[in-house]
Amino acid sequence: MTSLTAKLLISLDCTGCSACSFHCPRYKSHHHHPDSIDHSYVIYGDPNFCHLSLPTALAFKKSTIPEVGIGVFAQRFIPAGTLFGPLIGVSSQLQDNVGDFHYTYQVFRRGRFLYKLNCSDQRRSNWMRFVKRARHECESTAIACECWGDIYYKTTSDLYEDQELLIISATKDLKIPVNGDFEEMSHVENLKIQSKNNVENTNKGNSIENLNAWQLQIVRRKSGKSAGLCDVYYISPTKKRLRSTNELLKYVTLKKLHLDISKFIFSKTILKAKGYFENPTKWPPIEYQ
């Protein structure tokens, strides 16, 4: 039976390993700290955001999967365990049927709907909208996983020049479409984020929120099955606590802030990749800035 899944479902019912916060026995041999990839600087909200944000290590070419259009290929050697993310889109708490299902993620935990990401807007979704779904597990070169409230892609095998990036889920109940018509999503490790509009003067004399006034706060869980692990939050100058990168971008857009948060997001990603939040001996100061 062949049918196209309307929505991509990802389950968060999984335990974590120290490197990538998910459990997938098939890829156990690839569990090591992800490398980082330099990304193109581009303004969030640019009409060509999804194209201009492509990392220099990757290129757009015709997909090896028939009749699905453009795919994403490696331009140089990329080792297994390389982490791309987080996925950026317009988040919503409504489980409705509004929008283009070809560009929608729905995220569940223990069968309960958490949120969805709509990436149909090319100004708010980037190059990962062109990454195609593997038709079967053996064809995949990367997996989609949830980590600290955001969605990431992680390579499961070494990628060589001109080899295509094809994803599949790290969890069994992630439903993958049989062809590449279902496209999304987004990627922001090293992007320049800035509003097109003028900054709103919320405080007299202050038109720009100083990046130095923001903080990364690391909080250790004190109870439950996950006791000892840590969560990381973006803390605004007004003490607004934002758990995910999508929440941060929504806040920046809503407040129309002229704020370059690229290195800030990248710092959080690198800290996670190096296992700071699972290994107490590696912990940086509780307030990381």
Protein backbone atom coordinates (compact mmCIF):
# COMPACT_ATOMS: atom_id res chain seq x y z
CA MET A 1 0.00 0.00 0.00
CA THR A 2 1.38 3.38 -0.98
CA SER A 3 0.10 6.58 0.57
CA LEU A 4 1.51 9.97 1.47
CA THR A 5 1.45 10.84 5.14
CA ALA A 6 -0.07 14.29 5.55
CA LYS A 7 1.83 15.21 8.68
CA LEU A 8 5.22 14.18 10.04
CA LEU A 9 4.80 12.86 13.57
CA ILE A 10 7.71 12.68 15.98
CA SER A 11 7.48 10.96 19.35
CA LEU A 12 9.48 12.14 22.34
CA ASP A 13 8.99 8.86 24.24
CA CYS A 14 12.68 8.04 24.30
CA THR A 15 15.55 8.05 26.74
CA GLY A 16 18.74 9.94 26.14
CA CYS A 17 22.38 9.19 25.55
CA SER A 18 25.05 11.67 26.57
CA ALA A 19 25.70 12.89 23.05
CA CYS A 20 22.33 13.40 21.44
CA SER A 21 19.52 12.87 23.98
CA PHE A 22 17.70 10.08 22.20
CA HIS A 23 17.78 6.31 22.08
CA CYS A 24 18.20 4.43 18.82
CA PRO A 25 19.94 1.02 19.11
CA ARG A 26 20.59 0.72 15.37
CA TYR A 27 22.85 3.77 15.48
CA LYS A 28 24.58 3.03 18.78
CA SER A 29 27.99 2.85 17.13
CA HIS A 30 27.59 6.42 15.93
CA HIS A 31 26.89 7.92 19.35
CA HIS A 32 29.66 10.45 19.81
CA HIS A 33 29.71 14.18 20.25
CA PRO A 34 28.47 15.90 17.09
CA ASP A 35 30.73 18.14 15.08
CA SER A 36 29.63 21.62 14.10
CA ILE A 37 29.23 23.07 10.63
CA ASP A 38 29.66 26.74 9.73
CA HIS A 39 26.47 28.23 8.34
CA SER A 40 25.78 31.10 6.01
CA TYR A 41 24.82 34.39 7.63
CA VAL A 42 21.38 35.52 6.52
CA ILE A 43 18.67 37.77 7.89
CA TYR A 44 15.74 35.92 9.47
CA GLY A 45 12.68 36.96 7.47
CA ASP A 46 14.55 37.48 4.20
CA PRO A 47 12.38 36.34 1.23
CA ASN A 48 15.17 33.89 0.28
CA PHE A 49 15.94 32.78 3.83
CA CYS A 50 15.43 29.08 3.02
CA HIS A 51 17.98 29.22 0.17
CA LEU A 52 20.56 31.64 1.54
CA SER A 53 20.91 29.81 4.85
CA LEU A 54 22.44 26.72 3.24
CA PRO A 55 25.75 25.81 4.97
CA THR A 56 28.89 26.03 2.84
CA ALA A 57 29.48 22.30 3.33
CA LEU A 58 26.24 21.49 1.47
CA ALA A 59 24.76 22.17 -1.96
CA PHE A 60 21.39 22.00 -3.72
CA LYS A 61 21.15 19.43 -6.52
CA LYS A 62 18.50 17.27 -8.14
CA SER A 63 17.55 14.56 -5.66
CA THR A 64 18.47 10.94 -6.28
CA ILE A 65 14.87 10.07 -5.39
CA PRO A 66 12.83 10.23 -8.63
CA GLU A 67 10.41 13.09 -9.27
CA VAL A 68 10.84 14.98 -6.01
CA GLY A 69 12.87 17.97 -7.18
CA ILE A 70 15.81 19.50 -5.34
CA GLY A 71 17.71 17.68 -2.61
CA VAL A 72 20.64 18.54 -0.32
CA PHE A 73 24.11 17.06 -0.96
CA ALA A 74 27.47 17.14 0.80
CA GLN A 75 30.18 19.22 -0.88
CA ARG A 76 32.93 17.71 1.26
CA PHE A 77 33.42 14.93 3.76
CA ILE A 78 31.03 15.20 6.74
CA PRO A 79 31.59 12.67 9.56
CA ALA A 80 28.89 10.59 11.21
CA GLY A 81 27.48 12.33 14.26
CA THR A 82 27.39 15.83 12.73
CA LEU A 83 24.44 17.74 14.17
CA PHE A 84 22.26 20.10 12.11
CA GLY A 85 19.71 22.21 13.90
CA PRO A 86 17.60 23.31 15.50
CA LEU A 87 14.65 23.20 13.14
CA ILE A 88 12.93 26.57 12.92
CA GLY A 89 9.32 27.20 11.96
CA VAL A 90 6.18 28.95 13.11
CA SER A 91 5.20 27.07 16.26
CA SER A 92 1.63 26.57 17.40
CA GLN A 93 -0.10 24.80 20.28
CA LEU A 94 -3.20 24.17 18.15
CA GLN A 95 -3.68 20.70 16.72
CA ASP A 96 -5.72 21.78 13.71
CA ASN A 97 -5.84 21.14 9.99
CA VAL A 98 -4.90 24.66 8.95
CA GLY A 99 -1.87 25.17 6.71
CA ASP A 100 0.14 23.23 4.19
CA PHE A 101 0.64 19.71 5.55
CA HIS A 102 3.66 19.26 3.28
CA TYR A 103 5.58 21.61 5.59
CA THR A 104 4.28 20.66 9.03
CA TYR A 105 5.81 18.82 11.97
CA GLN A 106 3.58 17.55 14.79
CA VAL A 107 5.37 16.60 18.00
CA PHE A 108 3.95 14.15 20.54
CA ARG A 109 5.07 12.84 23.94
CA ARG A 110 3.52 9.61 25.24
CA GLY A 111 0.78 9.99 22.68
CA ARG A 112 -0.06 13.53 23.82
CA PHE A 113 0.19 16.39 21.33
CA LEU A 114 2.78 19.00 22.36
CA TYR A 115 3.11 21.43 19.48
CA LYS A 116 3.45 21.74 15.73
CA LEU A 117 5.86 23.62 13.49
CA ASN A 118 4.68 25.03 10.18
CA CYS A 119 7.53 25.76 7.78
CA SER A 120 5.62 26.71 4.65
CA ASP A 121 6.82 30.33 4.90
CA GLN A 122 10.18 30.51 3.09
CA ARG A 123 11.15 33.56 5.15
CA ARG A 124 10.90 31.57 8.38
CA SER A 125 12.18 28.16 7.30
CA ASN A 126 15.54 27.40 5.81
CA TRP A 127 17.50 24.92 3.74
CA MET A 128 16.29 21.83 5.62
CA ARG A 129 12.90 22.17 3.93
CA PHE A 130 14.69 20.69 0.89
CA VAL A 131 16.04 17.61 2.71
CA LYS A 132 14.23 14.55 1.38
CA ARG A 133 12.85 11.59 3.29
CA ALA A 134 14.56 8.23 2.83
CA ARG A 135 12.28 5.65 1.23
CA HIS A 136 13.59 2.96 3.57
CA GLU A 137 15.89 2.73 6.59
CA CYS A 138 18.95 1.49 4.73
CA GLU A 139 18.81 4.52 2.42
CA SER A 140 18.88 7.09 5.23
CA THR A 141 22.00 9.06 6.14
CA ALA A 142 20.54 11.08 9.04
CA ILE A 143 17.89 10.90 11.73
CA ALA A 144 15.44 13.46 13.14
CA CYS A 145 15.47 13.78 16.93
CA GLU A 146 14.22 16.05 19.70
CA CYS A 147 16.70 17.66 22.05
CA TRP A 148 15.90 20.23 24.76
CA GLY A 149 12.67 21.33 23.10
CA ASP A 150 14.07 21.65 19.57
CA ILE A 151 14.28 19.32 16.57
CA TYR A 152 17.68 18.36 15.13
CA TYR A 153 19.02 16.25 12.27
CA LYS A 154 22.07 14.10 13.02
CA THR A 155 24.10 12.20 10.44
CA THR A 156 24.20 8.45 11.10
CA SER A 157 26.95 7.63 8.61
CA ASP A 158 29.87 9.42 7.00
CA LEU A 159 28.82 11.62 4.08
CA TYR A 160 31.16 11.95 1.12
CA GLU A 161 31.22 14.53 -1.65
CA ASP A 162 28.05 14.43 -3.81
CA GLN A 163 26.24 12.10 -1.39
CA GLU A 164 22.67 13.12 -0.53
CA LEU A 165 21.40 13.90 2.96
CA LEU A 166 18.29 11.72 3.51
CA ILE A 167 16.52 11.57 6.85
CA ILE A 168 14.45 9.08 8.79
CA SER A 169 13.17 9.13 12.36
CA ALA A 170 15.06 7.99 15.44
CA THR A 171 11.78 6.61 16.80
CA LYS A 172 9.68 3.83 15.34
CA ASP A 173 6.41 5.78 15.28
CA LEU A 174 7.71 8.68 13.21
CA LYS A 175 5.79 8.30 9.97
CA ILE A 176 7.90 9.06 6.92
CA PRO A 177 6.18 9.90 3.60
CA VAL A 178 6.96 7.51 0.76
CA ASN A 179 8.20 10.32 -1.46
CA GLY A 180 9.81 13.70 -1.05
CA ASP A 181 6.71 15.83 -1.55
CA PHE A 182 6.61 16.28 2.22
CA GLU A 183 9.34 18.86 2.68
CA GLU A 184 10.48 21.00 5.53
CA MET A 185 12.20 22.44 7.76
CA SER A 186 14.78 24.70 9.22
CA HIS A 187 18.26 25.12 10.65
CA VAL A 188 19.81 27.86 12.72
CA GLU A 189 23.21 27.28 14.37
CA ASN A 190 24.96 30.37 13.09
CA LEU A 191 22.43 32.79 11.58
CA LYS A 192 22.21 36.55 11.83
CA ILE A 193 18.71 37.31 13.09
CA GLN A 194 17.38 40.79 12.69
CA SER A 195 14.01 42.42 12.20
CA LYS A 196 13.14 44.26 8.99
CA ASN A 197 11.08 46.76 10.95
CA ASN A 198 12.37 49.54 13.16
CA VAL A 199 12.94 48.66 16.78
CA GLU A 200 10.07 49.54 19.09
CA ASN A 201 11.03 51.88 21.88
CA THR A 202 9.70 50.01 24.87
CA ASN A 203 12.01 51.97 27.17
CA LYS A 204 12.96 55.60 26.65
CA GLY A 205 16.51 55.87 25.41
CA ASN A 206 16.79 52.14 24.74
CA SER A 207 15.93 50.98 21.22
CA ILE A 208 18.04 47.82 21.20
CA GLU A 209 18.18 45.00 23.73
CA ASN A 210 21.84 44.43 24.50
CA LEU A 211 22.88 40.84 23.82
CA ASN A 212 25.19 40.98 26.82
CA ALA A 213 22.11 41.35 29.02
CA TRP A 214 20.83 37.94 27.89
CA GLN A 215 21.88 34.75 29.63
CA LEU A 216 21.91 31.00 29.13
CA GLN A 217 20.65 29.48 32.37
CA ILE A 218 21.41 25.84 33.12
CA VAL A 219 19.00 24.22 35.58
CA ARG A 220 19.56 20.77 37.09
CA ARG A 221 16.49 18.55 37.52
CA LYS A 222 16.15 17.60 41.20
CA SER A 223 13.54 14.84 41.08
CA GLY A 224 11.91 12.22 38.89
CA LYS A 225 13.44 9.70 36.53
CA SER A 226 15.50 12.43 34.86
CA ALA A 227 16.99 13.75 38.12
CA GLY A 228 20.55 14.92 37.61
CA LEU A 229 20.05 15.97 33.99
CA CYS A 230 19.85 19.61 33.07
CA ASP A 231 17.68 21.94 31.02
CA VAL A 232 18.92 25.11 29.39
CA TYR A 233 16.90 28.32 29.03
CA TYR A 234 17.37 31.62 27.24
CA ILE A 235 16.81 34.39 29.80
CA SER A 236 15.90 37.85 28.47
CA PRO A 237 16.86 41.14 30.18
CA THR A 238 13.29 41.24 31.54
CA LYS A 239 13.77 37.72 33.00
CA LYS A 240 11.55 36.13 30.36
CA ARG A 241 12.43 32.40 30.30
CA LEU A 242 12.46 30.82 26.81
CA ARG A 243 13.10 27.09 26.62
CA SER A 244 13.52 26.50 22.89
CA THR A 245 15.16 28.31 19.99
CA ASN A 246 11.76 28.60 18.31
CA GLU A 247 10.45 30.46 21.35
CA LEU A 248 13.47 32.77 21.20
CA LEU A 249 12.95 33.57 17.51
CA LYS A 250 9.24 34.17 18.08
CA TYR A 251 10.11 36.59 20.89
CA VAL A 252 12.66 38.45 18.74
CA THR A 253 10.15 38.76 15.89
CA LEU A 254 7.26 39.80 18.14
CA LYS A 255 9.32 42.49 19.87
CA LYS A 256 10.87 43.57 16.55
CA LEU A 257 14.32 43.46 18.07
CA HIS A 258 17.42 44.37 16.09
CA LEU A 259 19.45 41.65 17.76
CA ASP A 260 22.21 39.41 16.42
CA ILE A 261 21.70 36.21 18.41
CA SER A 262 23.58 33.89 16.08
CA LYS A 263 26.55 33.21 18.39
CA PHE A 264 24.17 32.97 21.33
CA ILE A 265 22.21 30.13 19.71
CA PHE A 266 25.43 28.51 18.53
CA SER A 267 26.85 28.55 22.08
CA LYS A 268 23.83 26.65 23.37
CA THR A 269 24.15 24.08 20.60
CA ILE A 270 27.86 23.52 21.22
CA LEU A 271 27.35 23.17 24.98
CA LYS A 272 24.73 20.48 24.37
CA ALA A 273 26.89 18.72 21.81
CA LYS A 274 29.82 18.49 24.22
CA GLY A 275 27.71 16.76 26.85
CA TYR A 276 27.84 19.53 29.44
CA PHE A 277 24.30 18.79 30.57
CA GLU A 278 24.81 15.12 31.39
CA ASN A 279 28.32 15.11 32.83
CA PRO A 280 28.51 17.11 36.10
CA THR A 281 32.31 17.26 35.93
CA LYS A 282 32.04 19.33 32.74
CA TRP A 283 29.45 21.80 33.96
CA PRO A 284 30.20 25.45 33.22
CA PRO A 285 28.95 28.10 35.68
CA ILE A 286 25.21 27.90 36.23
CA GLU A 287 24.84 31.25 34.46
CA TYR A 288 26.48 30.90 31.05
CA GLN A 289 26.79 34.12 29.06
